[in-house]
Protein backbone atom coordinates (compact mmCIF):
# COMPACT_ATOMS: atom_id res chain seq x y z
CA UNK A 1 0.00 0.00 0.00
CA UNK A 2 2.85 2.40 0.72
CA UNK A 3 3.98 2.47 -2.88
CA UNK A 4 0.41 3.21 -4.00
CA UNK A 5 0.23 6.08 -1.51
CA UNK A 6 3.31 7.66 -3.09
CA UNK A 7 1.09 8.43 -6.07
CA UNK A 8 -0.85 11.11 -4.13
CA UNK A 9 2.05 13.54 -3.58
CA UNK A 10 3.14 13.03 -7.17
CA UNK A 11 -0.34 14.00 -8.35
CA UNK A 12 -0.28 17.00 -6.02
CA UNK A 13 2.98 18.33 -7.42
CA UNK A 14 1.90 17.55 -10.97
CA UNK A 15 -1.38 19.41 -10.60
CA UNK A 16 0.44 22.22 -8.80
CA UNK A 17 2.16 23.02 -12.11
CA UNK A 18 -1.15 24.43 -13.39
CA UNK A 19 -0.60 28.17 -12.80
CA UNK A 20 -4.27 29.14 -12.37
CA UNK A 21 -4.90 26.53 -9.68
CA UNK A 22 -4.31 27.43 -6.00
CA UNK A 23 -2.49 25.05 -3.68
CA UNK A 24 -5.66 24.07 -1.84
CA UNK A 25 -7.25 23.15 -5.18
CA UNK A 26 -4.31 20.95 -6.06
CA UNK A 27 -4.55 19.33 -2.63
CA UNK A 28 -8.26 18.61 -3.12
CA UNK A 29 -7.66 17.07 -6.54
CA UNK A 30 -4.75 14.96 -5.26
CA UNK A 31 -6.83 13.81 -2.29
CA UNK A 32 -9.74 12.83 -4.52
CA UNK A 33 -7.47 10.93 -6.90
CA UNK A 34 -5.81 9.20 -3.96
CA UNK A 35 -9.16 8.27 -2.42
CA UNK A 36 -9.98 6.39 -5.62
CA UNK A 37 -6.55 5.16 -6.74
CA UNK A 38 -5.09 3.76 -3.51
CA UNK A 39 -8.02 1.44 -2.59
CA UNK A 40 -8.25 0.18 -6.17
CA UNK A 41 -4.55 -0.69 -6.26
CA UNK A 42 -4.68 -2.33 -2.82
CA UNK A 43 -7.70 -4.48 -3.74
CA UNK A 44 -6.13 -5.39 -7.07
CA UNK A 45 -2.90 -6.50 -5.38
CA UNK A 46 -4.81 -8.39 -2.69
CA UNK A 47 -6.79 -10.24 -5.37
CA UNK A 48 -3.58 -11.10 -7.23
CA UNK A 49 -1.94 -12.34 -4.02
CA UNK A 50 -4.90 -14.63 -3.28
CA UNK A 51 -4.51 -16.50 -6.57
PDB file of N, CA and C in Angstrom:
ATOM      1  N   UNK A   1       0.810  -1.186   0.000  1.00  0.00           N
ATOM      2  CA  UNK A   1       0.000   0.000   0.000  1.00  0.00           C
ATOM      3  C   UNK A   1       0.858   1.256   0.000  1.00  0.00           C
ATOM      4  N   UNK A   2       2.014   1.203   0.612  1.00  0.00           N
ATOM      5  CA  UNK A   2       2.846   2.396   0.721  1.00  0.00           C
ATOM      6  C   UNK A   2       3.275   2.908  -0.646  1.00  0.00           C
ATOM      7  N   UNK A   3       3.576   2.001  -1.561  1.00  0.00           N
ATOM      8  CA  UNK A   3       3.977   2.471  -2.878  1.00  0.00           C
ATOM      9  C   UNK A   3       2.802   3.046  -3.653  1.00  0.00           C
ATOM     10  N   UNK A   4       1.589   2.606  -3.373  1.00  0.00           N
ATOM     11  CA  UNK A   4       0.411   3.209  -4.004  1.00  0.00           C
ATOM     12  C   UNK A   4       0.151   4.593  -3.424  1.00  0.00           C
ATOM     13  N   UNK A   5       0.450   4.785  -2.150  1.00  0.00           N
ATOM     14  CA  UNK A   5       0.227   6.082  -1.507  1.00  0.00           C
ATOM     15  C   UNK A   5       1.232   7.133  -1.974  1.00  0.00           C
ATOM     16  N   UNK A   6       2.329   6.722  -2.555  1.00  0.00           N
ATOM     17  CA  UNK A   6       3.312   7.665  -3.092  1.00  0.00           C
ATOM     18  C   UNK A   6       2.718   8.408  -4.290  1.00  0.00           C
ATOM     19  N   UNK A   7       1.736   7.827  -4.902  1.00  0.00           N
ATOM     20  CA  UNK A   7       1.094   8.432  -6.071  1.00  0.00           C
ATOM     21  C   UNK A   7       0.410   9.759  -5.726  1.00  0.00           C
ATOM     22  N   UNK A   8      -0.107   9.897  -4.516  1.00  0.00           N
ATOM     23  CA  UNK A   8      -0.852  11.105  -4.126  1.00  0.00           C
ATOM     24  C   UNK A   8       0.038  12.345  -4.119  1.00  0.00           C
ATOM     25  N   UNK A   9       1.207  12.345  -3.479  1.00  0.00           N
ATOM     26  CA  UNK A   9       2.048  13.544  -3.577  1.00  0.00           C
ATOM     27  C   UNK A   9       2.523  13.837  -4.995  1.00  0.00           C
ATOM     28  N   UNK A  10       2.742  12.800  -5.789  1.00  0.00           N
ATOM     29  CA  UNK A  10       3.137  13.027  -7.174  1.00  0.00           C
ATOM     30  C   UNK A  10       2.032  13.725  -7.950  1.00  0.00           C
ATOM     31  N   UNK A  11       0.789  13.326  -7.709  1.00  0.00           N
ATOM     32  CA  UNK A  11      -0.338  14.000  -8.355  1.00  0.00           C
ATOM     33  C   UNK A  11      -0.429  15.439  -7.868  1.00  0.00           C
ATOM     34  N   UNK A  12      -0.214  15.648  -6.570  1.00  0.00           N
ATOM     35  CA  UNK A  12      -0.278  17.002  -6.023  1.00  0.00           C
ATOM     36  C   UNK A  12       0.721  17.916  -6.714  1.00  0.00           C
ATOM     37  N   UNK A  13       1.967  17.496  -6.794  1.00  0.00           N
ATOM     38  CA  UNK A  13       2.982  18.334  -7.420  1.00  0.00           C
ATOM     39  C   UNK A  13       2.759  18.476  -8.922  1.00  0.00           C
ATOM     40  N   UNK A  14       2.217  17.445  -9.546  1.00  0.00           N
ATOM     41  CA  UNK A  14       1.905  17.547 -10.966  1.00  0.00           C
ATOM     42  C   UNK A  14       0.791  18.536 -11.234  1.00  0.00           C
ATOM     43  N   UNK A  15      -0.253  18.488 -10.427  1.00  0.00           N
ATOM     44  CA  UNK A  15      -1.376  19.410 -10.597  1.00  0.00           C
ATOM     45  C   UNK A  15      -0.970  20.814 -10.176  1.00  0.00           C
ATOM     46  N   UNK A  16      -0.030  20.925  -9.266  1.00  0.00           N
ATOM     47  CA  UNK A  16       0.437  22.224  -8.800  1.00  0.00           C
ATOM     48  C   UNK A  16       1.125  23.017  -9.919  1.00  0.00           C
ATOM     49  N   UNK A  17       1.530  22.338 -10.980  1.00  0.00           N
ATOM     50  CA  UNK A  17       2.161  23.018 -12.112  1.00  0.00           C
ATOM     51  C   UNK A  17       1.164  23.854 -12.913  1.00  0.00           C
ATOM     52  N   UNK A  18      -0.134  23.624 -12.714  1.00  0.00           N
ATOM     53  CA  UNK A  18      -1.147  24.433 -13.395  1.00  0.00           C
ATOM     54  C   UNK A  18      -1.149  25.802 -12.725  1.00  0.00           C
ATOM     55  N   UNK A  19      -0.786  26.863 -13.450  1.00  0.00           N
ATOM     56  CA  UNK A  19      -0.597  28.168 -12.804  1.00  0.00           C
ATOM     57  C   UNK A  19      -1.877  28.791 -12.249  1.00  0.00           C
ATOM     58  N   UNK A  20      -3.020  28.500 -12.816  1.00  0.00           N
ATOM     59  CA  UNK A  20      -4.265  29.141 -12.373  1.00  0.00           C
ATOM     60  C   UNK A  20      -4.879  28.443 -11.166  1.00  0.00           C
ATOM     61  N   UNK A  21      -4.312  27.329 -10.757  1.00  0.00           N
ATOM     62  CA  UNK A  21      -4.897  26.534  -9.677  1.00  0.00           C
ATOM     63  C   UNK A  21      -4.192  26.836  -8.355  1.00  0.00           C
ATOM     64  N   UNK A  22      -4.957  27.188  -7.306  1.00  0.00           N
ATOM     65  CA  UNK A  22      -4.313  27.430  -6.003  1.00  0.00           C
ATOM     66  C   UNK A  22      -3.851  26.120  -5.361  1.00  0.00           C
ATOM     67  N   UNK A  23      -3.026  26.246  -4.346  1.00  0.00           N
ATOM     68  CA  UNK A  23      -2.493  25.049  -3.675  1.00  0.00           C
ATOM     69  C   UNK A  23      -3.590  24.201  -3.058  1.00  0.00           C
ATOM     70  N   UNK A  24      -4.595  24.845  -2.468  1.00  0.00           N
ATOM     71  CA  UNK A  24      -5.664  24.066  -1.839  1.00  0.00           C
ATOM     72  C   UNK A  24      -6.461  23.304  -2.895  1.00  0.00           C
ATOM     73  N   UNK A  25      -6.567  23.858  -4.101  1.00  0.00           N
ATOM     74  CA  UNK A  25      -7.246  23.150  -5.185  1.00  0.00           C
ATOM     75  C   UNK A  25      -6.462  21.926  -5.625  1.00  0.00           C
ATOM     76  N   UNK A  26      -5.156  22.095  -5.702  1.00  0.00           N
ATOM     77  CA  UNK A  26      -4.307  20.955  -6.062  1.00  0.00           C
ATOM     78  C   UNK A  26      -4.374  19.879  -4.983  1.00  0.00           C
ATOM     79  N   UNK A  27      -4.446  20.301  -3.720  1.00  0.00           N
ATOM     80  CA  UNK A  27      -4.548  19.333  -2.629  1.00  0.00           C
ATOM     81  C   UNK A  27      -5.873  18.577  -2.679  1.00  0.00           C
ATOM     82  N   UNK A  28      -6.960  19.275  -3.006  1.00  0.00           N
ATOM     83  CA  UNK A  28      -8.258  18.605  -3.116  1.00  0.00           C
ATOM     84  C   UNK A  28      -8.279  17.599  -4.263  1.00  0.00           C
ATOM     85  N   UNK A  29      -7.705  17.984  -5.392  1.00  0.00           N
ATOM     86  CA  UNK A  29      -7.662  17.069  -6.536  1.00  0.00           C
ATOM     87  C   UNK A  29      -6.799  15.855  -6.219  1.00  0.00           C
ATOM     88  N   UNK A  30      -5.639  16.074  -5.609  1.00  0.00           N
ATOM     89  CA  UNK A  30      -4.755  14.957  -5.259  1.00  0.00           C
ATOM     90  C   UNK A  30      -5.416  14.045  -4.232  1.00  0.00           C
ATOM     91  N   UNK A  31      -6.123  14.621  -3.279  1.00  0.00           N
ATOM     92  CA  UNK A  31      -6.831  13.806  -2.287  1.00  0.00           C
ATOM     93  C   UNK A  31      -7.933  12.979  -2.907  1.00  0.00           C
ATOM     94  N   UNK A  32      -8.668  13.563  -3.849  1.00  0.00           N
ATOM     95  CA  UNK A  32      -9.741  12.826  -4.518  1.00  0.00           C
ATOM     96  C   UNK A  32      -9.186  11.694  -5.378  1.00  0.00           C
ATOM     97  N   UNK A  33      -8.103  11.980  -6.079  1.00  0.00           N
ATOM     98  CA  UNK A  33      -7.471  10.933  -6.902  1.00  0.00           C
ATOM     99  C   UNK A  33      -6.933   9.820  -6.003  1.00  0.00           C
ATOM    100  N   UNK A  34      -6.332  10.208  -4.886  1.00  0.00           N
ATOM    101  CA  UNK A  34      -5.810   9.201  -3.956  1.00  0.00           C
ATOM    102  C   UNK A  34      -6.900   8.380  -3.301  1.00  0.00           C
ATOM    103  N   UNK A  35      -8.042   9.003  -3.040  1.00  0.00           N
ATOM    104  CA  UNK A  35      -9.159   8.273  -2.425  1.00  0.00           C
ATOM    105  C   UNK A  35      -9.709   7.203  -3.356  1.00  0.00           C
ATOM    106  N   UNK A  36      -9.526   7.387  -4.653  1.00  0.00           N
ATOM    107  CA  UNK A  36      -9.976   6.387  -5.621  1.00  0.00           C
ATOM    108  C   UNK A  36      -8.842   5.427  -5.972  1.00  0.00           C
ATOM    109  N   UNK A  37      -7.662   5.956  -6.216  1.00  0.00           N
ATOM    110  CA  UNK A  37      -6.548   5.161  -6.740  1.00  0.00           C
ATOM    111  C   UNK A  37      -5.988   4.167  -5.727  1.00  0.00           C
ATOM    112  N   UNK A  38      -5.748   4.610  -4.506  1.00  0.00           N
ATOM    113  CA  UNK A  38      -5.093   3.757  -3.511  1.00  0.00           C
ATOM    114  C   UNK A  38      -5.949   2.524  -3.167  1.00  0.00           C
ATOM    115  N   UNK A  39      -7.243   2.656  -2.869  1.00  0.00           N
ATOM    116  CA  UNK A  39      -8.020   1.438  -2.588  1.00  0.00           C
ATOM    117  C   UNK A  39      -8.126   0.488  -3.781  1.00  0.00           C
ATOM    118  N   UNK A  40      -8.183   1.039  -4.981  1.00  0.00           N
ATOM    119  CA  UNK A  40      -8.253   0.177  -6.171  1.00  0.00           C
ATOM    120  C   UNK A  40      -6.970  -0.631  -6.319  1.00  0.00           C
ATOM    121  N   UNK A  41      -5.832   0.010  -6.135  1.00  0.00           N
ATOM    122  CA  UNK A  41      -4.550  -0.694  -6.260  1.00  0.00           C
ATOM    123  C   UNK A  41      -4.401  -1.734  -5.153  1.00  0.00           C
ATOM    124  N   UNK A  42      -4.795  -1.389  -3.937  1.00  0.00           N
ATOM    125  CA  UNK A  42      -4.676  -2.334  -2.821  1.00  0.00           C
ATOM    126  C   UNK A  42      -5.575  -3.547  -3.049  1.00  0.00           C
ATOM    127  N   UNK A  43      -6.806  -3.331  -3.494  1.00  0.00           N
ATOM    128  CA  UNK A  43      -7.697  -4.477  -3.736  1.00  0.00           C
ATOM    129  C   UNK A  43      -7.213  -5.318  -4.907  1.00  0.00           C
ATOM    130  N   UNK A  44      -6.653  -4.662  -5.924  1.00  0.00           N
ATOM    131  CA  UNK A  44      -6.126  -5.394  -7.068  1.00  0.00           C
ATOM    132  C   UNK A  44      -4.948  -6.273  -6.647  1.00  0.00           C
ATOM    133  N   UNK A  45      -4.063  -5.712  -5.832  1.00  0.00           N
ATOM    134  CA  UNK A  45      -2.905  -6.495  -5.380  1.00  0.00           C
ATOM    135  C   UNK A  45      -3.318  -7.609  -4.429  1.00  0.00           C
ATOM    136  N   UNK A  46      -4.319  -7.359  -3.611  1.00  0.00           N
ATOM    137  CA  UNK A  46      -4.811  -8.391  -2.695  1.00  0.00           C
ATOM    138  C   UNK A  46      -5.432  -9.537  -3.490  1.00  0.00           C
ATOM    139  N   UNK A  47      -6.178  -9.207  -4.525  1.00  0.00           N
ATOM    140  CA  UNK A  47      -6.790 -10.240  -5.371  1.00  0.00           C
ATOM    141  C   UNK A  47      -5.720 -11.041  -6.100  1.00  0.00           C
ATOM    142  N   UNK A  48      -4.667 -10.387  -6.548  1.00  0.00           N
ATOM    143  CA  UNK A  48      -3.583 -11.102  -7.228  1.00  0.00           C
ATOM    144  C   UNK A  48      -2.819 -11.997  -6.263  1.00  0.00           C
ATOM    145  N   UNK A  49      -2.690 -11.558  -5.010  1.00  0.00           N
ATOM    146  CA  UNK A  49      -1.943 -12.342  -4.022  1.00  0.00           C
ATOM    147  C   UNK A  49      -2.736 -13.579  -3.599  1.00  0.00           C
ATOM    148  N   UNK A  50      -4.049 -13.508  -3.692  1.00  0.00           N
ATOM    149  CA  UNK A  50      -4.897 -14.627  -3.280  1.00  0.00           C
ATOM    150  C   UNK A  50      -4.907 -15.752  -4.318  1.00  0.00           C
ATOM    151  N   UNK A  51      -4.492 -15.468  -5.522  1.00  0.00           N
ATOM    152  CA  UNK A  51      -4.510 -16.499  -6.569  1.00  0.00           C
ATOM    153  C   UNK A  51      -3.481 -17.520  -6.362  1.00  0.00           C
TER     154      UNK A  51
END
